[in-house]
Amino acid sequence: MMKKVKGKLPTKQNNRFKSAVESTPDVANGYRSGLSAMGPHTSKISVASTLLIEGSVDIDTCTTAKYPNSNRWDYVFAYDGRAYFVEVHSANTSEVRTVLYKLQWLKDWLNNNATEINKLKDKNPFYWIQSKGFAIPKTSPQYRAASNAGIKPIAKLNLE
């Protein structure tokens, strides 16, 4: 996926993403600059201008205590004024159902507990980035289920 750079550079005064995170109790202390909340997974994100990255949050870590038995989503980051939600997960047939549960959890969480972050979503905001290889046959019911949910595994997210 390619996205054109259009925005202004974020500053401490106009960082809507940081404000949205800080106003969301579940993740209020989770804001990190750049993509640092994603730890070693930052290499799975490529952007045209790192200056337009407004910050990131490890949703999974921040929400573990409150939702210990849920299939929680991994990360959110903001780039050029829009929020992108990334799940780094195995891409094989046995894991599709888990990722779909995580996606549903995320959508419910955004609508009920993270409304300010929800307002910043890009028009295509949800990404499943495969942690290793890809092992979901394109003719399988699991592949169709992921496609119907609007999410298919990709090797790397490129926002250009």
C-alpha atoms as a PDB file:
ATOM      1  CA  MET A   1       0.000   0.000   0.000  1.00  0.00           C
ATOM      2  CA  MET A   2       1.331   3.435  -0.929  1.00  0.00           C
ATOM      3  CA  LYS A   3       0.184   6.692   0.613  1.00  0.00           C
ATOM      4  CA  LYS A   4       1.234  10.166  -0.482  1.00  0.00           C
ATOM      5  CA  VAL A   5       2.753  12.524   2.073  1.00  0.00           C
ATOM      6  CA  LYS A   6       0.534  15.544   2.501  1.00  0.00           C
ATOM      7  CA  GLY A   7       0.675  16.893   6.029  1.00  0.00           C
ATOM      8  CA  LYS A   8       2.438  19.266   8.319  1.00  0.00           C
ATOM      9  CA  LEU A   9       5.177  18.210  10.641  1.00  0.00           C
ATOM     10  CA  PRO A  10       3.807  17.357  14.089  1.00  0.00           C
ATOM     11  CA  THR A  11       4.838  19.543  16.983  1.00  0.00           C
ATOM     12  CA  LYS A  12       4.217  19.226  20.695  1.00  0.00           C
ATOM     13  CA  GLN A  13       1.448  21.794  20.332  1.00  0.00           C
ATOM     14  CA  ASN A  14      -0.441  20.168  17.452  1.00  0.00           C
ATOM     15  CA  ASN A  15       0.083  16.437  18.028  1.00  0.00           C
ATOM     16  CA  ARG A  16      -3.550  15.286  17.957  1.00  0.00           C
ATOM     17  CA  PHE A  17      -2.482  11.657  18.270  1.00  0.00           C
ATOM     18  CA  LYS A  18      -0.625  12.242  21.530  1.00  0.00           C
ATOM     19  CA  SER A  19      -3.621  14.163  22.890  1.00  0.00           C
ATOM     20  CA  ALA A  20      -5.992  11.364  21.851  1.00  0.00           C
ATOM     21  CA  VAL A  21      -3.801   8.741  23.537  1.00  0.00           C
ATOM     22  CA  GLU A  22      -3.491  10.744  26.741  1.00  0.00           C
ATOM     23  CA  SER A  23      -7.281  11.169  26.874  1.00  0.00           C
ATOM     24  CA  THR A  24      -7.807   7.380  26.598  1.00  0.00           C
ATOM     25  CA  PRO A  25      -7.537   5.884  30.118  1.00  0.00           C
ATOM     26  CA  ASP A  26      -6.568   2.385  28.955  1.00  0.00           C
ATOM     27  CA  VAL A  27      -3.440   3.682  27.175  1.00  0.00           C
ATOM     28  CA  ALA A  28      -2.953   7.153  28.665  1.00  0.00           C
ATOM     29  CA  ASN A  29       0.613   6.415  29.763  1.00  0.00           C
ATOM     30  CA  GLY A  30       1.504   4.393  26.670  1.00  0.00           C
ATOM     31  CA  TYR A  31       2.434   7.147  24.208  1.00  0.00           C
ATOM     32  CA  ARG A  32       5.960   6.806  22.777  1.00  0.00           C
ATOM     33  CA  SER A  33       7.692   9.037  20.265  1.00  0.00           C
ATOM     34  CA  GLY A  34       8.222   7.757  16.747  1.00  0.00           C
ATOM     35  CA  LEU A  35       7.616   4.042  16.343  1.00  0.00           C
ATOM     36  CA  SER A  36       9.443   3.159  19.558  1.00  0.00           C
ATOM     37  CA  ALA A  37       6.378   1.479  21.133  1.00  0.00           C
ATOM     38  CA  MET A  38       6.679  -1.182  18.434  1.00  0.00           C
ATOM     39  CA  GLY A  39      10.107  -2.298  19.622  1.00  0.00           C
ATOM     40  CA  PRO A  40      11.770  -4.698  17.190  1.00  0.00           C
ATOM     41  CA  HIS A  41       8.769  -4.548  14.854  1.00  0.00           C
ATOM     42  CA  THR A  42       9.601  -1.001  13.719  1.00  0.00           C
ATOM     43  CA  SER A  43      11.455  -2.552  10.787  1.00  0.00           C
ATOM     44  CA  LYS A  44       8.099  -3.767   9.452  1.00  0.00           C
ATOM     45  CA  ILE A  45       6.980  -0.160   8.833  1.00  0.00           C
ATOM     46  CA  SER A  46       8.330   2.026   6.038  1.00  0.00           C
ATOM     47  CA  VAL A  47       7.328   5.670   5.611  1.00  0.00           C
ATOM     48  CA  ALA A  48       8.278   8.403   3.151  1.00  0.00           C
ATOM     49  CA  SER A  49       9.175  10.833   5.933  1.00  0.00           C
ATOM     50  CA  THR A  50       9.954   9.797   9.493  1.00  0.00           C
ATOM     51  CA  LEU A  51       9.345  13.429  10.473  1.00  0.00           C
ATOM     52  CA  LEU A  52       5.612  12.832   9.949  1.00  0.00           C
ATOM     53  CA  ILE A  53       5.401   9.996  12.502  1.00  0.00           C
ATOM     54  CA  GLU A  54       3.453  11.397  15.442  1.00  0.00           C
ATOM     55  CA  GLY A  55       4.029   8.570  17.901  1.00  0.00           C
ATOM     56  CA  SER A  56       2.989   5.040  18.744  1.00  0.00           C
ATOM     57  CA  VAL A  57       1.386   2.916  21.470  1.00  0.00           C
ATOM     58  CA  ASP A  58       1.752  -0.747  22.404  1.00  0.00           C
ATOM     59  CA  ILE A  59      -1.976  -1.373  22.896  1.00  0.00           C
ATOM     60  CA  ASP A  60      -1.455  -5.001  23.919  1.00  0.00           C
ATOM     61  CA  THR A  61       0.927  -4.184  26.776  1.00  0.00           C
ATOM     62  CA  CYS A  62      -1.153  -1.230  27.982  1.00  0.00           C
ATOM     63  CA  THR A  63      -4.403  -3.206  28.102  1.00  0.00           C
ATOM     64  CA  THR A  64      -3.189  -6.579  29.423  1.00  0.00           C
ATOM     65  CA  ALA A  65      -4.205  -5.910  33.041  1.00  0.00           C
ATOM     66  CA  LYS A  66      -7.729  -4.730  32.166  1.00  0.00           C
ATOM     67  CA  TYR A  67      -8.408  -7.356  29.461  1.00  0.00           C
ATOM     68  CA  PRO A  68      -6.221 -10.325  30.506  1.00  0.00           C
ATOM     69  CA  ASN A  69      -8.194 -13.017  28.681  1.00  0.00           C
ATOM     70  CA  SER A  70      -8.948 -11.075  25.500  1.00  0.00           C
ATOM     71  CA  ASN A  71      -7.324 -11.358  22.105  1.00  0.00           C
ATOM     72  CA  ARG A  72      -5.838  -7.849  22.188  1.00  0.00           C
ATOM     73  CA  TRP A  73      -4.462  -5.939  19.188  1.00  0.00           C
ATOM     74  CA  ASP A  74      -0.754  -5.057  19.148  1.00  0.00           C
ATOM     75  CA  TYR A  75      -0.037  -1.464  18.096  1.00  0.00           C
ATOM     76  CA  VAL A  76      -1.264   1.875  16.862  1.00  0.00           C
ATOM     77  CA  PHE A  77       0.851   4.617  15.372  1.00  0.00           C
ATOM     78  CA  ALA A  78       0.066   7.935  13.758  1.00  0.00           C
ATOM     79  CA  TYR A  79       1.544   9.118  10.516  1.00  0.00           C
ATOM     80  CA  ASP A  80       0.693  12.319   8.699  1.00  0.00           C
ATOM     81  CA  GLY A  81      -2.380  12.946  10.852  1.00  0.00           C
ATOM     82  CA  ARG A  82      -3.901   9.473  10.557  1.00  0.00           C
ATOM     83  CA  ALA A  83      -3.872   6.442  12.873  1.00  0.00           C
ATOM     84  CA  TYR A  84      -2.828   2.988  11.676  1.00  0.00           C
ATOM     85  CA  PHE A  85      -3.374  -0.193  13.675  1.00  0.00           C
ATOM     86  CA  VAL A  86      -0.843  -2.986  13.269  1.00  0.00           C
ATOM     87  CA  GLU A  87      -0.991  -6.603  14.397  1.00  0.00           C
ATOM     88  CA  VAL A  88       2.279  -8.515  13.992  1.00  0.00           C
ATOM     89  CA  HIS A  89       1.242 -12.157  13.972  1.00  0.00           C
ATOM     90  CA  SER A  90       1.912 -15.521  12.362  1.00  0.00           C
ATOM     91  CA  ALA A  91       0.317 -15.806   8.938  1.00  0.00           C
ATOM     92  CA  ASN A  92      -0.871 -19.379   8.751  1.00  0.00           C
ATOM     93  CA  THR A  93      -4.317 -20.916   8.499  1.00  0.00           C
ATOM     94  CA  SER A  94      -4.498 -21.876  12.170  1.00  0.00           C
ATOM     95  CA  GLU A  95      -4.009 -18.226  13.238  1.00  0.00           C
ATOM     96  CA  VAL A  96      -6.589 -16.491  11.041  1.00  0.00           C
ATOM     97  CA  ARG A  97      -9.383 -16.911  13.578  1.00  0.00           C
ATOM     98  CA  THR A  98      -7.198 -15.426  16.339  1.00  0.00           C
ATOM     99  CA  VAL A  99      -6.366 -12.358  14.232  1.00  0.00           C
ATOM    100  CA  LEU A 100     -10.044 -11.897  13.379  1.00  0.00           C
ATOM    101  CA  TYR A 101     -10.884 -12.032  17.108  1.00  0.00           C
ATOM    102  CA  LYS A 102      -8.178  -9.436  17.729  1.00  0.00           C
ATOM    103  CA  LEU A 103      -9.600  -7.218  14.989  1.00  0.00           C
ATOM    104  CA  GLN A 104     -13.084  -7.424  16.491  1.00  0.00           C
ATOM    105  CA  TRP A 105     -11.678  -6.658  19.953  1.00  0.00           C
ATOM    106  CA  LEU A 106      -9.885  -3.622  18.515  1.00  0.00           C
ATOM    107  CA  LYS A 107     -12.985  -2.285  16.766  1.00  0.00           C
ATOM    108  CA  ASP A 108     -15.053  -2.703  19.938  1.00  0.00           C
ATOM    109  CA  TRP A 109     -12.318  -1.078  22.036  1.00  0.00           C
ATOM    110  CA  LEU A 110     -12.045   1.881  19.662  1.00  0.00           C
ATOM    111  CA  ASN A 111     -15.803   2.442  19.630  1.00  0.00           C
ATOM    112  CA  ASN A 112     -16.276   2.049  23.391  1.00  0.00           C
ATOM    113  CA  ASN A 113     -13.008   2.988  25.107  1.00  0.00           C
ATOM    114  CA  ALA A 114     -10.812   4.882  22.656  1.00  0.00           C
ATOM    115  CA  THR A 115     -13.138   7.230  20.828  1.00  0.00           C
ATOM    116  CA  GLU A 116     -10.553  10.007  20.393  1.00  0.00           C
ATOM    117  CA  ILE A 117      -8.051   7.611  18.807  1.00  0.00           C
ATOM    118  CA  ASN A 118     -10.882   6.174  16.699  1.00  0.00           C
ATOM    119  CA  LYS A 119     -11.502   9.619  15.194  1.00  0.00           C
ATOM    120  CA  LEU A 120      -7.974   9.623  13.748  1.00  0.00           C
ATOM    121  CA  LYS A 121      -8.290   6.321  11.820  1.00  0.00           C
ATOM    122  CA  ASP A 122      -7.109   6.289   8.232  1.00  0.00           C
ATOM    123  CA  LYS A 123      -9.682   5.084   5.676  1.00  0.00           C
ATOM    124  CA  ASN A 124      -7.737   1.771   5.547  1.00  0.00           C
ATOM    125  CA  PRO A 125      -6.476   1.604   9.113  1.00  0.00           C
ATOM    126  CA  PHE A 126      -6.041  -2.080   9.999  1.00  0.00           C
ATOM    127  CA  TYR A 127      -2.966  -4.120   9.053  1.00  0.00           C
ATOM    128  CA  TRP A 128      -1.894  -7.662   9.771  1.00  0.00           C
ATOM    129  CA  ILE A 129       1.849  -7.873   9.286  1.00  0.00           C
ATOM    130  CA  GLN A 130       3.134 -11.409   9.092  1.00  0.00           C
ATOM    131  CA  SER A 131       5.754 -12.169  11.713  1.00  0.00           C
ATOM    132  CA  LYS A 132       7.506 -14.708   9.484  1.00  0.00           C
ATOM    133  CA  GLY A 133       6.396 -16.431   6.308  1.00  0.00           C
ATOM    134  CA  PHE A 134       2.982 -16.680   4.689  1.00  0.00           C
ATOM    135  CA  ALA A 135       1.153 -20.031   4.863  1.00  0.00           C
ATOM    136  CA  ILE A 136      -2.501 -19.369   4.071  1.00  0.00           C
ATOM    137  CA  PRO A 137      -3.545 -20.831   0.724  1.00  0.00           C
ATOM    138  CA  LYS A 138      -5.448 -18.254  -1.313  1.00  0.00           C
ATOM    139  CA  THR A 139      -8.129 -20.860  -2.023  1.00  0.00           C
ATOM    140  CA  SER A 140      -8.709 -21.654   1.674  1.00  0.00           C
ATOM    141  CA  PRO A 141     -11.745 -20.649   3.739  1.00  0.00           C
ATOM    142  CA  GLN A 142      -9.371 -18.910   6.156  1.00  0.00           C
ATOM    143  CA  TYR A 143      -7.996 -16.669   3.412  1.00  0.00           C
ATOM    144  CA  ARG A 144     -11.539 -15.823   2.311  1.00  0.00           C
ATOM    145  CA  ALA A 145     -12.525 -15.045   5.923  1.00  0.00           C
ATOM    146  CA  ALA A 146      -9.589 -12.674   6.314  1.00  0.00           C
ATOM    147  CA  SER A 147     -10.345 -11.032   2.963  1.00  0.00           C
ATOM    148  CA  ASN A 148     -14.018 -10.637   3.864  1.00  0.00           C
ATOM    149  CA  ALA A 149     -12.968  -8.950   7.117  1.00  0.00           C
ATOM    150  CA  GLY A 150     -10.835  -6.534   5.101  1.00  0.00           C
ATOM    151  CA  ILE A 151      -7.507  -7.726   6.455  1.00  0.00           C
ATOM    152  CA  LYS A 152      -4.884  -9.905   4.796  1.00  0.00           C
ATOM    153  CA  PRO A 153      -1.330 -10.524   5.964  1.00  0.00           C
ATOM    154  CA  ILE A 154       1.408  -8.429   4.403  1.00  0.00           C
ATOM    155  CA  ALA A 155       5.170  -8.650   4.841  1.00  0.00           C
ATOM    156  CA  LYS A 156       5.683  -4.919   5.471  1.00  0.00           C
ATOM    157  CA  LEU A 157       3.547  -1.781   5.659  1.00  0.00           C
ATOM    158  CA  ASN A 158       4.749   0.914   3.244  1.00  0.00           C
ATOM    159  CA  LEU A 159       3.266   4.378   3.656  1.00  0.00           C
ATOM    160  CA  GLU A 160       4.818   6.476   0.888  1.00  0.00           C
END
